[in-house]
Amino acid sequence: MRQGETVALVGESGSGKTTLLRVFNALVAPEAGTAWVAGRPVSQEDPVQLRRRLGYVPQEGGLLPHWSVLRNVALVPTLLQRDDPEDLARRALARVGLDPAAFEGRYPRTLSGGQRQRVALARALAADPRVILLDEPFGALDALSRSALVETFQEVLKEAGVSALLVTHDLGVAFRLAGRVAVLRNGRVVQCAPPSVLRADPSDAYVRALLQRGGVA
């Protein structure tokens, strides 16, 4: 993956999308092969330090419910012992379209689904990572919230210049956000290409059928 590129992982349930994402976060060890992040093998990294260097946006946000928005977003900068974790958190909130003055004192239970995902993205960005992992970040949202949030993610990721690995079951979202889309089947990547190439030249019948079912063929 090139710096600043977004790659989407798509495929049927059980194809290995989330498992592959967890390999890069050192939560799962691969049975074969080597995963690399920022030019280094994951197997040679301290898992805790690796995860602190990676941004991560799980499905439904994964925010700590008893912490304020500001404390949630400042978590990683605090763990990294940055001098100004709350200032970094406020800057990240502003980047994702949330006014720090209006949101920093609130708690996750008072936020809409879209707002929680914006806070989760702010938390992932607060320590200025080079890579962000996104695990179905739009799956629990209604269509209108999803569309608005996809637009925000698209703008923020481009502005931040980070590399992003996105797991999604929504091929429309994958084609909108990603420069390349990797189609997984039974734990293997069967094709990885830009959306235009996938449309024009699917590698086999499985990829063609998946695109047709996803409404992007």
N, C-alpha and C. Protein backbone atom coordinates (compact mmCIF):
# COMPACT_ATOMS: atom_id res chain seq x y z
N MET A 1 0.84 -1.19 0.00
CA MET A 1 0.00 0.00 0.00
C MET A 1 0.88 1.25 0.00
N ARG A 2 0.57 2.18 -0.89
CA ARG A 2 1.35 3.41 -0.97
C ARG A 2 0.89 4.41 0.09
N GLN A 3 1.83 5.29 0.50
CA GLN A 3 1.47 6.31 1.49
C GLN A 3 0.36 7.19 0.96
N GLY A 4 -0.67 7.37 1.76
CA GLY A 4 -1.80 8.20 1.37
C GLY A 4 -2.87 7.46 0.60
N GLU A 5 -2.69 6.17 0.35
CA GLU A 5 -3.65 5.38 -0.42
C GLU A 5 -4.67 4.72 0.51
N THR A 6 -5.89 4.59 0.03
CA THR A 6 -6.92 3.81 0.72
C THR A 6 -7.17 2.54 -0.06
N VAL A 7 -7.07 1.40 0.62
CA VAL A 7 -7.36 0.09 0.03
C VAL A 7 -8.53 -0.49 0.79
N ALA A 8 -9.54 -0.96 0.06
CA ALA A 8 -10.71 -1.58 0.67
C ALA A 8 -10.64 -3.09 0.55
N LEU A 9 -11.03 -3.80 1.61
CA LEU A 9 -11.15 -5.25 1.60
C LEU A 9 -12.62 -5.60 1.53
N VAL A 10 -13.03 -6.32 0.49
CA VAL A 10 -14.43 -6.69 0.32
C VAL A 10 -14.53 -8.19 0.10
N GLY A 11 -15.73 -8.72 0.28
CA GLY A 11 -15.97 -10.14 0.10
C GLY A 11 -17.15 -10.57 0.94
N GLU A 12 -17.59 -11.81 0.75
CA GLU A 12 -18.71 -12.32 1.50
C GLU A 12 -18.35 -12.50 2.98
N SER A 13 -19.34 -12.64 3.82
CA SER A 13 -19.09 -12.93 5.23
C SER A 13 -18.27 -14.20 5.35
N GLY A 14 -17.24 -14.16 6.20
CA GLY A 14 -16.37 -15.31 6.37
C GLY A 14 -15.24 -15.40 5.38
N SER A 15 -15.09 -14.39 4.52
CA SER A 15 -14.03 -14.44 3.51
C SER A 15 -12.66 -14.10 4.08
N GLY A 16 -12.62 -13.50 5.29
CA GLY A 16 -11.34 -13.20 5.92
C GLY A 16 -10.99 -11.73 6.00
N LYS A 17 -11.96 -10.86 5.73
CA LYS A 17 -11.67 -9.42 5.71
C LYS A 17 -11.19 -8.92 7.07
N THR A 18 -12.00 -9.15 8.10
CA THR A 18 -11.64 -8.65 9.43
C THR A 18 -10.42 -9.38 9.98
N THR A 19 -10.30 -10.65 9.68
CA THR A 19 -9.12 -11.40 10.13
C THR A 19 -7.85 -10.79 9.55
N LEU A 20 -7.87 -10.45 8.27
CA LEU A 20 -6.69 -9.83 7.66
C LEU A 20 -6.40 -8.48 8.29
N LEU A 21 -7.44 -7.71 8.58
CA LEU A 21 -7.22 -6.43 9.25
C LEU A 21 -6.55 -6.64 10.60
N ARG A 22 -6.97 -7.66 11.33
CA ARG A 22 -6.40 -7.93 12.64
C ARG A 22 -4.97 -8.44 12.56
N VAL A 23 -4.60 -9.01 11.45
CA VAL A 23 -3.21 -9.41 11.25
C VAL A 23 -2.31 -8.18 11.28
N PHE A 24 -2.74 -7.12 10.63
CA PHE A 24 -1.93 -5.90 10.59
C PHE A 24 -1.90 -5.19 11.94
N ASN A 25 -2.86 -5.49 12.80
CA ASN A 25 -2.91 -4.89 14.14
C ASN A 25 -2.31 -5.81 15.19
N ALA A 26 -1.70 -6.92 14.73
CA ALA A 26 -1.06 -7.91 15.62
C ALA A 26 -2.04 -8.54 16.59
N LEU A 27 -3.31 -8.62 16.21
CA LEU A 27 -4.29 -9.31 17.03
C LEU A 27 -4.44 -10.76 16.59
N VAL A 28 -4.01 -11.06 15.36
CA VAL A 28 -4.03 -12.42 14.81
C VAL A 28 -2.71 -12.66 14.12
N ALA A 29 -2.11 -13.83 14.35
CA ALA A 29 -0.87 -14.18 13.67
C ALA A 29 -1.19 -14.95 12.40
N PRO A 30 -0.61 -14.57 11.27
CA PRO A 30 -0.91 -15.29 10.01
C PRO A 30 -0.35 -16.71 10.05
N GLU A 31 -1.06 -17.64 9.41
CA GLU A 31 -0.59 -19.02 9.33
C GLU A 31 0.59 -19.15 8.38
N ALA A 32 0.67 -18.23 7.41
CA ALA A 32 1.78 -18.24 6.46
C ALA A 32 1.99 -16.82 5.96
N GLY A 33 3.19 -16.53 5.48
CA GLY A 33 3.47 -15.21 4.95
C GLY A 33 3.83 -14.21 6.04
N THR A 34 4.12 -13.00 5.62
CA THR A 34 4.54 -11.94 6.54
C THR A 34 3.75 -10.67 6.27
N ALA A 35 3.21 -10.08 7.32
CA ALA A 35 2.53 -8.80 7.22
C ALA A 35 3.51 -7.69 7.55
N TRP A 36 3.46 -6.63 6.77
CA TRP A 36 4.36 -5.49 6.97
C TRP A 36 3.54 -4.23 7.20
N VAL A 37 3.99 -3.40 8.12
CA VAL A 37 3.39 -2.09 8.36
C VAL A 37 4.50 -1.06 8.41
N ALA A 38 4.39 -0.03 7.57
CA ALA A 38 5.39 1.05 7.53
C ALA A 38 6.80 0.51 7.35
N GLY A 39 6.93 -0.50 6.48
CA GLY A 39 8.24 -1.01 6.14
C GLY A 39 8.85 -1.99 7.11
N ARG A 40 8.09 -2.43 8.12
CA ARG A 40 8.62 -3.38 9.11
C ARG A 40 7.66 -4.56 9.27
N PRO A 41 8.19 -5.77 9.44
CA PRO A 41 7.34 -6.92 9.68
C PRO A 41 6.58 -6.78 11.01
N VAL A 42 5.31 -7.07 10.98
CA VAL A 42 4.50 -6.99 12.20
C VAL A 42 5.04 -7.92 13.27
N SER A 43 5.56 -9.07 12.86
CA SER A 43 6.07 -10.06 13.82
C SER A 43 7.26 -9.54 14.62
N GLN A 44 7.93 -8.52 14.14
CA GLN A 44 9.09 -7.97 14.85
C GLN A 44 8.73 -6.75 15.70
N GLU A 45 7.47 -6.39 15.71
CA GLU A 45 7.02 -5.22 16.46
C GLU A 45 6.50 -5.61 17.84
N ASP A 46 6.63 -4.71 18.80
CA ASP A 46 5.93 -4.85 20.06
C ASP A 46 4.45 -4.58 19.80
N PRO A 47 3.55 -5.54 20.05
CA PRO A 47 2.15 -5.36 19.68
C PRO A 47 1.50 -4.11 20.27
N VAL A 48 1.79 -3.81 21.52
CA VAL A 48 1.18 -2.65 22.16
C VAL A 48 1.66 -1.36 21.49
N GLN A 49 2.95 -1.26 21.27
CA GLN A 49 3.48 -0.06 20.62
C GLN A 49 2.98 0.07 19.19
N LEU A 50 2.86 -1.06 18.50
CA LEU A 50 2.34 -1.04 17.13
C LEU A 50 0.93 -0.48 17.11
N ARG A 51 0.08 -0.97 18.00
CA ARG A 51 -1.32 -0.52 18.00
C ARG A 51 -1.44 0.95 18.35
N ARG A 52 -0.51 1.45 19.16
CA ARG A 52 -0.56 2.88 19.49
C ARG A 52 -0.14 3.75 18.31
N ARG A 53 0.62 3.18 17.39
CA ARG A 53 1.06 3.93 16.21
C ARG A 53 0.05 3.87 15.07
N LEU A 54 -0.90 2.95 15.19
CA LEU A 54 -1.91 2.78 14.15
C LEU A 54 -3.22 3.42 14.60
N GLY A 55 -3.87 4.14 13.70
CA GLY A 55 -5.23 4.57 13.99
C GLY A 55 -6.18 3.41 13.77
N TYR A 56 -7.25 3.35 14.55
CA TYR A 56 -8.19 2.24 14.43
C TYR A 56 -9.60 2.74 14.66
N VAL A 57 -10.49 2.44 13.70
CA VAL A 57 -11.90 2.81 13.83
C VAL A 57 -12.72 1.53 13.72
N PRO A 58 -13.22 1.00 14.84
CA PRO A 58 -14.03 -0.22 14.79
C PRO A 58 -15.49 0.09 14.46
N GLN A 59 -16.23 -0.97 14.17
CA GLN A 59 -17.66 -0.82 13.93
C GLN A 59 -18.33 -0.26 15.19
N GLU A 60 -19.22 0.70 15.01
CA GLU A 60 -19.95 1.36 16.08
C GLU A 60 -19.03 2.15 17.02
N GLY A 61 -17.82 2.46 16.58
CA GLY A 61 -16.97 3.42 17.29
C GLY A 61 -16.06 2.86 18.35
N GLY A 62 -16.59 1.97 19.19
CA GLY A 62 -15.77 1.41 20.25
C GLY A 62 -15.33 2.43 21.29
N LEU A 63 -16.13 3.48 21.50
CA LEU A 63 -15.76 4.50 22.49
C LEU A 63 -16.01 3.99 23.90
N LEU A 64 -15.21 4.48 24.84
CA LEU A 64 -15.40 4.12 26.24
C LEU A 64 -16.58 4.93 26.79
N PRO A 65 -17.66 4.27 27.21
CA PRO A 65 -18.90 4.99 27.52
C PRO A 65 -18.82 5.90 28.73
N HIS A 66 -17.92 5.60 29.68
CA HIS A 66 -17.84 6.39 30.91
C HIS A 66 -16.81 7.52 30.79
N TRP A 67 -16.22 7.69 29.62
CA TRP A 67 -15.28 8.78 29.37
C TRP A 67 -15.95 9.83 28.49
N SER A 68 -15.56 11.07 28.70
CA SER A 68 -16.06 12.15 27.84
C SER A 68 -15.48 12.01 26.44
N VAL A 69 -16.07 12.74 25.50
CA VAL A 69 -15.56 12.75 24.13
C VAL A 69 -14.09 13.17 24.12
N LEU A 70 -13.75 14.23 24.84
CA LEU A 70 -12.37 14.72 24.83
C LEU A 70 -11.41 13.66 25.36
N ARG A 71 -11.78 13.00 26.45
CA ARG A 71 -10.88 11.99 27.01
C ARG A 71 -10.73 10.80 26.07
N ASN A 72 -11.83 10.40 25.41
CA ASN A 72 -11.75 9.33 24.43
C ASN A 72 -10.77 9.67 23.31
N VAL A 73 -10.89 10.86 22.77
CA VAL A 73 -10.06 11.25 21.62
C VAL A 73 -8.61 11.46 22.04
N ALA A 74 -8.39 11.87 23.27
CA ALA A 74 -7.03 12.12 23.76
C ALA A 74 -6.32 10.85 24.22
N LEU A 75 -6.99 9.69 24.13
CA LEU A 75 -6.44 8.46 24.69
C LEU A 75 -5.04 8.13 24.17
N VAL A 76 -4.90 8.01 22.84
CA VAL A 76 -3.60 7.58 22.30
C VAL A 76 -2.51 8.63 22.52
N PRO A 77 -2.76 9.92 22.26
CA PRO A 77 -1.72 10.90 22.59
C PRO A 77 -1.30 10.85 24.05
N THR A 78 -2.24 10.54 24.95
CA THR A 78 -1.90 10.42 26.37
C THR A 78 -1.00 9.21 26.61
N LEU A 79 -1.36 8.06 26.00
CA LEU A 79 -0.55 6.86 26.14
C LEU A 79 0.85 7.04 25.56
N LEU A 80 0.95 7.85 24.52
CA LEU A 80 2.25 8.12 23.89
C LEU A 80 3.01 9.23 24.61
N GLN A 81 2.41 9.75 25.68
CA GLN A 81 3.03 10.78 26.52
C GLN A 81 3.36 12.05 25.72
N ARG A 82 2.43 12.43 24.85
CA ARG A 82 2.56 13.70 24.15
C ARG A 82 2.36 14.85 25.13
N ASP A 83 2.99 15.97 24.87
CA ASP A 83 2.91 17.10 25.78
C ASP A 83 1.53 17.74 25.81
N ASP A 84 0.77 17.62 24.71
CA ASP A 84 -0.49 18.35 24.60
C ASP A 84 -1.63 17.45 24.13
N PRO A 85 -1.93 16.34 24.82
CA PRO A 85 -2.94 15.40 24.32
C PRO A 85 -4.32 16.02 24.14
N GLU A 86 -4.73 16.91 25.03
CA GLU A 86 -6.06 17.50 24.87
C GLU A 86 -6.11 18.47 23.71
N ASP A 87 -5.04 19.21 23.48
CA ASP A 87 -5.00 20.10 22.31
C ASP A 87 -5.04 19.28 21.03
N LEU A 88 -4.31 18.16 20.99
CA LEU A 88 -4.34 17.29 19.82
C LEU A 88 -5.74 16.72 19.62
N ALA A 89 -6.42 16.38 20.72
CA ALA A 89 -7.78 15.85 20.63
C ALA A 89 -8.74 16.90 20.08
N ARG A 90 -8.61 18.12 20.53
CA ARG A 90 -9.50 19.19 20.04
C ARG A 90 -9.27 19.44 18.55
N ARG A 91 -8.01 19.41 18.15
CA ARG A 91 -7.70 19.61 16.73
C ARG A 91 -8.31 18.48 15.89
N ALA A 92 -8.23 17.25 16.40
CA ALA A 92 -8.79 16.11 15.67
C ALA A 92 -10.31 16.21 15.58
N LEU A 93 -10.97 16.64 16.64
CA LEU A 93 -12.41 16.81 16.60
C LEU A 93 -12.81 17.83 15.54
N ALA A 94 -12.08 18.92 15.48
CA ALA A 94 -12.39 19.94 14.48
C ALA A 94 -12.19 19.40 13.07
N ARG A 95 -11.20 18.55 12.88
CA ARG A 95 -10.92 18.00 11.55
C ARG A 95 -12.06 17.14 11.04
N VAL A 96 -12.78 16.48 11.95
CA VAL A 96 -13.87 15.61 11.51
C VAL A 96 -15.22 16.31 11.56
N GLY A 97 -15.21 17.62 11.75
CA GLY A 97 -16.44 18.40 11.68
C GLY A 97 -17.22 18.51 12.96
N LEU A 98 -16.58 18.28 14.11
CA LEU A 98 -17.24 18.42 15.40
C LEU A 98 -16.61 19.58 16.16
N ASP A 99 -17.42 20.54 16.55
CA ASP A 99 -16.93 21.70 17.30
C ASP A 99 -16.48 21.24 18.69
N PRO A 100 -15.19 21.37 19.02
CA PRO A 100 -14.73 20.89 20.33
C PRO A 100 -15.50 21.50 21.49
N ALA A 101 -15.81 22.78 21.40
CA ALA A 101 -16.50 23.45 22.50
C ALA A 101 -17.88 22.83 22.74
N ALA A 102 -18.52 22.34 21.68
CA ALA A 102 -19.86 21.77 21.81
C ALA A 102 -19.84 20.29 22.16
N PHE A 103 -18.76 19.58 21.83
CA PHE A 103 -18.77 18.13 21.96
C PHE A 103 -17.81 17.56 22.99
N GLU A 104 -16.76 18.28 23.38
CA GLU A 104 -15.72 17.65 24.18
C GLU A 104 -16.20 17.18 25.54
N GLY A 105 -17.21 17.82 26.12
CA GLY A 105 -17.70 17.43 27.43
C GLY A 105 -18.82 16.41 27.41
N ARG A 106 -19.26 16.04 26.22
CA ARG A 106 -20.37 15.09 26.11
C ARG A 106 -19.88 13.65 26.25
N TYR A 107 -20.84 12.74 26.43
CA TYR A 107 -20.52 11.32 26.58
C TYR A 107 -21.11 10.55 25.40
N PRO A 108 -20.52 9.41 25.05
CA PRO A 108 -20.96 8.68 23.86
C PRO A 108 -22.45 8.40 23.81
N ARG A 109 -23.09 8.15 24.96
CA ARG A 109 -24.51 7.82 24.96
C ARG A 109 -25.38 8.98 24.48
N THR A 110 -24.85 10.20 24.51
CA THR A 110 -25.63 11.37 24.09
C THR A 110 -25.43 11.69 22.61
N LEU A 111 -24.64 10.90 21.90
CA LEU A 111 -24.33 11.18 20.51
C LEU A 111 -25.13 10.28 19.57
N SER A 112 -25.36 10.77 18.36
CA SER A 112 -25.96 9.92 17.33
C SER A 112 -24.91 8.93 16.82
N GLY A 113 -25.35 7.94 16.05
CA GLY A 113 -24.42 6.97 15.50
C GLY A 113 -23.35 7.62 14.64
N GLY A 114 -23.76 8.56 13.80
CA GLY A 114 -22.80 9.26 12.96
C GLY A 114 -21.81 10.08 13.76
N GLN A 115 -22.29 10.72 14.82
CA GLN A 115 -21.39 11.51 15.67
C GLN A 115 -20.39 10.61 16.39
N ARG A 116 -20.84 9.45 16.84
CA ARG A 116 -19.91 8.52 17.51
C ARG A 116 -18.81 8.08 16.55
N GLN A 117 -19.17 7.83 15.30
CA GLN A 117 -18.15 7.41 14.34
C GLN A 117 -17.19 8.56 14.00
N ARG A 118 -17.67 9.78 14.01
CA ARG A 118 -16.78 10.93 13.82
C ARG A 118 -15.80 11.05 14.99
N VAL A 119 -16.30 10.82 16.20
CA VAL A 119 -15.42 10.84 17.36
C VAL A 119 -14.39 9.72 17.26
N ALA A 120 -14.82 8.54 16.81
CA ALA A 120 -13.89 7.42 16.66
C ALA A 120 -12.81 7.74 15.63
N LEU A 121 -13.19 8.42 14.54
CA LEU A 121 -12.20 8.82 13.54
C LEU A 121 -11.25 9.86 14.13
N ALA A 122 -11.80 10.80 14.90
CA ALA A 122 -10.94 11.80 15.55
C ALA A 122 -9.94 11.12 16.47
N ARG A 123 -10.39 10.14 17.23
CA ARG A 123 -9.48 9.39 18.12
C ARG A 123 -8.38 8.71 17.31
N ALA A 124 -8.74 8.14 16.17
CA ALA A 124 -7.75 7.46 15.33
C ALA A 124 -6.73 8.43 14.75
N LEU A 125 -7.14 9.68 14.53
CA LEU A 125 -6.27 10.67 13.91
C LEU A 125 -5.45 11.49 14.90
N ALA A 126 -5.84 11.47 16.16
CA ALA A 126 -5.31 12.44 17.12
C ALA A 126 -3.80 12.39 17.27
N ALA A 127 -3.19 11.22 17.13
CA ALA A 127 -1.74 11.10 17.30
C ALA A 127 -1.00 11.13 15.96
N ASP A 128 -1.70 11.55 14.90
CA ASP A 128 -1.11 11.66 13.56
C ASP A 128 -0.44 10.36 13.09
N PRO A 129 -1.21 9.27 13.01
CA PRO A 129 -0.64 8.01 12.55
C PRO A 129 -0.38 8.03 11.05
N ARG A 130 0.48 7.14 10.59
CA ARG A 130 0.72 7.00 9.15
C ARG A 130 -0.28 6.06 8.51
N VAL A 131 -0.87 5.17 9.33
CA VAL A 131 -1.80 4.16 8.84
C VAL A 131 -3.03 4.11 9.73
N ILE A 132 -4.22 3.99 9.11
CA ILE A 132 -5.47 3.84 9.85
C ILE A 132 -6.16 2.57 9.36
N LEU A 133 -6.66 1.79 10.32
CA LEU A 133 -7.43 0.59 10.03
C LEU A 133 -8.90 0.88 10.33
N LEU A 134 -9.77 0.56 9.38
CA LEU A 134 -11.19 0.87 9.51
C LEU A 134 -11.99 -0.42 9.34
N ASP A 135 -12.68 -0.85 10.40
CA ASP A 135 -13.41 -2.12 10.37
C ASP A 135 -14.91 -1.86 10.33
N GLU A 136 -15.49 -1.90 9.14
CA GLU A 136 -16.93 -1.67 8.95
C GLU A 136 -17.40 -0.40 9.66
N PRO A 137 -16.77 0.74 9.42
CA PRO A 137 -17.11 1.94 10.19
C PRO A 137 -18.48 2.53 9.87
N PHE A 138 -19.10 2.09 8.77
CA PHE A 138 -20.40 2.66 8.38
C PHE A 138 -21.54 1.65 8.49
N GLY A 139 -21.24 0.43 8.96
CA GLY A 139 -22.21 -0.65 8.89
C GLY A 139 -23.47 -0.44 9.69
N ALA A 140 -23.39 0.28 10.82
CA ALA A 140 -24.55 0.41 11.70
C ALA A 140 -25.36 1.69 11.44
N LEU A 141 -25.04 2.41 10.37
CA LEU A 141 -25.66 3.71 10.13
C LEU A 141 -26.76 3.62 9.08
N ASP A 142 -27.74 4.53 9.19
CA ASP A 142 -28.77 4.62 8.15
C ASP A 142 -28.16 5.24 6.90
N ALA A 143 -28.89 5.19 5.79
CA ALA A 143 -28.35 5.58 4.49
C ALA A 143 -27.89 7.04 4.46
N LEU A 144 -28.68 7.94 5.05
CA LEU A 144 -28.32 9.35 5.03
C LEU A 144 -27.07 9.62 5.86
N SER A 145 -27.03 9.05 7.06
CA SER A 145 -25.85 9.23 7.92
C SER A 145 -24.62 8.62 7.27
N ARG A 146 -24.80 7.46 6.63
CA ARG A 146 -23.67 6.79 5.98
C ARG A 146 -23.10 7.66 4.87
N SER A 147 -23.95 8.24 4.04
CA SER A 147 -23.48 9.05 2.93
C SER A 147 -22.70 10.27 3.42
N ALA A 148 -23.22 10.95 4.44
CA ALA A 148 -22.54 12.12 4.98
C ALA A 148 -21.21 11.75 5.60
N LEU A 149 -21.18 10.62 6.30
CA LEU A 149 -19.95 10.22 6.98
C LEU A 149 -18.89 9.75 5.98
N VAL A 150 -19.31 9.06 4.93
CA VAL A 150 -18.36 8.64 3.89
C VAL A 150 -17.69 9.87 3.28
N GLU A 151 -18.47 10.91 3.04
CA GLU A 151 -17.91 12.14 2.49
C GLU A 151 -16.88 12.75 3.45
N THR A 152 -17.21 12.76 4.74
CA THR A 152 -16.27 13.28 5.74
C THR A 152 -14.99 12.45 5.76
N PHE A 153 -15.13 11.13 5.80
CA PHE A 153 -13.94 10.27 5.80
C PHE A 153 -13.09 10.51 4.56
N GLN A 154 -13.73 10.63 3.42
CA GLN A 154 -13.00 10.85 2.17
C GLN A 154 -12.17 12.13 2.24
N GLU A 155 -12.76 13.20 2.73
CA GLU A 155 -12.06 14.48 2.81
C GLU A 155 -10.95 14.45 3.86
N VAL A 156 -11.25 13.87 5.02
CA VAL A 156 -10.28 13.87 6.12
C VAL A 156 -9.08 12.98 5.79
N LEU A 157 -9.31 11.80 5.24
CA LEU A 157 -8.21 10.91 4.91
C LEU A 157 -7.30 11.53 3.86
N LYS A 158 -7.90 12.20 2.88
CA LYS A 158 -7.10 12.86 1.85
C LYS A 158 -6.27 13.99 2.44
N GLU A 159 -6.90 14.80 3.30
CA GLU A 159 -6.20 15.92 3.92
C GLU A 159 -5.07 15.44 4.83
N ALA A 160 -5.32 14.36 5.57
CA ALA A 160 -4.32 13.86 6.51
C ALA A 160 -3.17 13.15 5.81
N GLY A 161 -3.40 12.65 4.60
CA GLY A 161 -2.36 11.96 3.86
C GLY A 161 -1.97 10.62 4.46
N VAL A 162 -2.91 9.99 5.18
CA VAL A 162 -2.61 8.70 5.80
C VAL A 162 -2.99 7.57 4.85
N SER A 163 -2.37 6.42 5.05
CA SER A 163 -2.78 5.21 4.36
C SER A 163 -3.91 4.58 5.16
N ALA A 164 -4.90 4.06 4.48
CA ALA A 164 -6.05 3.49 5.17
C ALA A 164 -6.39 2.13 4.59
N LEU A 165 -6.66 1.18 5.49
CA LEU A 165 -7.13 -0.14 5.10
C LEU A 165 -8.55 -0.28 5.62
N LEU A 166 -9.50 -0.39 4.70
CA LEU A 166 -10.93 -0.34 5.02
C LEU A 166 -11.58 -1.69 4.78
N VAL A 167 -12.20 -2.25 5.81
CA VAL A 167 -13.04 -3.44 5.66
C VAL A 167 -14.49 -2.98 5.54
N THR A 168 -15.17 -3.43 4.49
CA THR A 168 -16.57 -3.05 4.32
C THR A 168 -17.30 -4.11 3.52
N HIS A 169 -18.58 -4.29 3.83
CA HIS A 169 -19.42 -5.16 3.02
C HIS A 169 -20.14 -4.37 1.94
N ASP A 170 -20.04 -3.04 1.99
CA ASP A 170 -20.74 -2.15 1.07
C ASP A 170 -19.81 -1.82 -0.10
N LEU A 171 -20.03 -2.43 -1.25
CA LEU A 171 -19.14 -2.21 -2.38
C LEU A 171 -19.23 -0.77 -2.91
N GLY A 172 -20.39 -0.14 -2.74
CA GLY A 172 -20.52 1.25 -3.15
C GLY A 172 -19.58 2.14 -2.36
N VAL A 173 -19.50 1.92 -1.05
CA VAL A 173 -18.58 2.66 -0.19
C VAL A 173 -17.14 2.36 -0.58
N ALA A 174 -16.82 1.09 -0.81
CA ALA A 174 -15.47 0.70 -1.20
C ALA A 174 -15.04 1.40 -2.48
N PHE A 175 -15.92 1.41 -3.47
CA PHE A 175 -15.57 2.03 -4.75
C PHE A 175 -15.46 3.54 -4.63
N ARG A 176 -16.19 4.12 -3.69
CA ARG A 176 -16.16 5.57 -3.51
C ARG A 176 -14.90 6.02 -2.77
N LEU A 177 -14.47 5.25 -1.78
CA LEU A 177 -13.36 5.68 -0.92
C LEU A 177 -11.99 5.19 -1.37
N ALA A 178 -11.94 4.02 -1.99
CA ALA A 178 -10.66 3.35 -2.17
C ALA A 178 -10.05 3.56 -3.55
N GLY A 179 -8.73 3.70 -3.57
CA GLY A 179 -8.01 3.73 -4.83
C GLY A 179 -7.85 2.34 -5.41
N ARG A 180 -7.79 1.34 -4.52
CA ARG A 180 -7.77 -0.06 -4.93
C ARG A 180 -8.71 -0.85 -4.04
N VAL A 181 -9.31 -1.88 -4.62
CA VAL A 181 -10.23 -2.75 -3.89
C VAL A 181 -9.71 -4.17 -4.00
N ALA A 182 -9.55 -4.83 -2.84
CA ALA A 182 -9.10 -6.23 -2.80
C ALA A 182 -10.29 -7.12 -2.51
N VAL A 183 -10.55 -8.05 -3.41
CA VAL A 183 -11.65 -8.99 -3.25
C VAL A 183 -11.11 -10.26 -2.59
N LEU A 184 -11.67 -10.63 -1.43
CA LEU A 184 -11.23 -11.83 -0.72
C LEU A 184 -12.25 -12.95 -0.87
N ARG A 185 -11.73 -14.17 -0.94
CA ARG A 185 -12.57 -15.36 -0.96
C ARG A 185 -11.83 -16.48 -0.25
N ASN A 186 -12.45 -17.01 0.78
CA ASN A 186 -11.85 -18.11 1.54
C ASN A 186 -10.43 -17.78 2.02
N GLY A 187 -10.27 -16.55 2.50
CA GLY A 187 -8.99 -16.16 3.09
C GLY A 187 -7.92 -15.77 2.10
N ARG A 188 -8.25 -15.70 0.82
CA ARG A 188 -7.27 -15.35 -0.20
C ARG A 188 -7.74 -14.14 -1.01
N VAL A 189 -6.79 -13.30 -1.41
CA VAL A 189 -7.11 -12.18 -2.30
C VAL A 189 -7.17 -12.72 -3.72
N VAL A 190 -8.36 -12.66 -4.34
CA VAL A 190 -8.50 -13.18 -5.70
C VAL A 190 -8.30 -12.10 -6.75
N GLN A 191 -8.47 -10.84 -6.37
CA GLN A 191 -8.16 -9.73 -7.27
C GLN A 191 -8.01 -8.46 -6.45
N CYS A 192 -7.01 -7.66 -6.78
CA CYS A 192 -6.81 -6.35 -6.14
C CYS A 192 -6.50 -5.36 -7.24
N ALA A 193 -7.40 -4.39 -7.42
CA ALA A 193 -7.26 -3.46 -8.54
C ALA A 193 -8.08 -2.21 -8.29
N PRO A 194 -7.83 -1.14 -9.04
CA PRO A 194 -8.69 0.04 -8.94
C PRO A 194 -10.13 -0.31 -9.33
N PRO A 195 -11.11 0.43 -8.81
CA PRO A 195 -12.50 0.13 -9.14
C PRO A 195 -12.78 0.06 -10.64
N SER A 196 -12.17 0.94 -11.41
CA SER A 196 -12.42 0.93 -12.86
C SER A 196 -11.95 -0.36 -13.50
N VAL A 197 -10.84 -0.92 -13.02
CA VAL A 197 -10.33 -2.18 -13.56
C VAL A 197 -11.22 -3.34 -13.15
N LEU A 198 -11.68 -3.34 -11.89
CA LEU A 198 -12.58 -4.40 -11.45
C LEU A 198 -13.84 -4.43 -12.30
N ARG A 199 -14.39 -3.25 -12.59
CA ARG A 199 -15.60 -3.19 -13.41
C ARG A 199 -15.33 -3.71 -14.83
N ALA A 200 -14.23 -3.25 -15.40
CA ALA A 200 -13.95 -3.57 -16.80
C ALA A 200 -13.44 -4.98 -17.01
N ASP A 201 -12.71 -5.51 -16.02
CA ASP A 201 -12.03 -6.79 -16.23
C ASP A 201 -11.97 -7.61 -14.94
N PRO A 202 -13.13 -8.07 -14.44
CA PRO A 202 -13.11 -8.93 -13.24
C PRO A 202 -12.35 -10.21 -13.55
N SER A 203 -11.58 -10.67 -12.55
CA SER A 203 -10.66 -11.78 -12.80
C SER A 203 -11.36 -13.12 -12.99
N ASP A 204 -12.55 -13.29 -12.41
CA ASP A 204 -13.25 -14.56 -12.58
C ASP A 204 -14.74 -14.36 -12.32
N ALA A 205 -15.48 -15.45 -12.41
CA ALA A 205 -16.93 -15.38 -12.26
C ALA A 205 -17.34 -14.95 -10.86
N TYR A 206 -16.56 -15.34 -9.85
CA TYR A 206 -16.89 -14.94 -8.48
C TYR A 206 -16.84 -13.43 -8.32
N VAL A 207 -15.77 -12.81 -8.80
CA VAL A 207 -15.64 -11.35 -8.69
C VAL A 207 -16.76 -10.67 -9.47
N ARG A 208 -17.05 -11.18 -10.65
CA ARG A 208 -18.12 -10.58 -11.47
C ARG A 208 -19.46 -10.65 -10.75
N ALA A 209 -19.76 -11.80 -10.15
CA ALA A 209 -21.04 -11.96 -9.45
C ALA A 209 -21.09 -11.08 -8.21
N LEU A 210 -19.97 -10.95 -7.50
CA LEU A 210 -19.93 -10.11 -6.30
C LEU A 210 -20.21 -8.65 -6.66
N LEU A 211 -19.61 -8.18 -7.73
CA LEU A 211 -19.84 -6.79 -8.16
C LEU A 211 -21.30 -6.59 -8.57
N GLN A 212 -21.87 -7.58 -9.24
CA GLN A 212 -23.27 -7.46 -9.66
C GLN A 212 -24.20 -7.42 -8.44
N ARG A 213 -23.93 -8.27 -7.45
CA ARG A 213 -24.77 -8.27 -6.25
C ARG A 213 -24.61 -6.98 -5.47
N GLY A 214 -23.42 -6.40 -5.53
CA GLY A 214 -23.16 -5.15 -4.82
C GLY A 214 -23.60 -3.91 -5.57
N GLY A 215 -24.12 -4.09 -6.78
CA GLY A 215 -24.64 -2.97 -7.56
C GLY A 215 -23.59 -2.04 -8.12
N VAL A 216 -22.35 -2.56 -8.33
CA VAL A 216 -21.28 -1.70 -8.84
C VAL A 216 -20.70 -2.23 -10.14
N ALA A 217 -21.30 -3.27 -10.68
CA ALA A 217 -20.78 -3.86 -11.93
C ALA A 217 -21.03 -2.93 -13.11
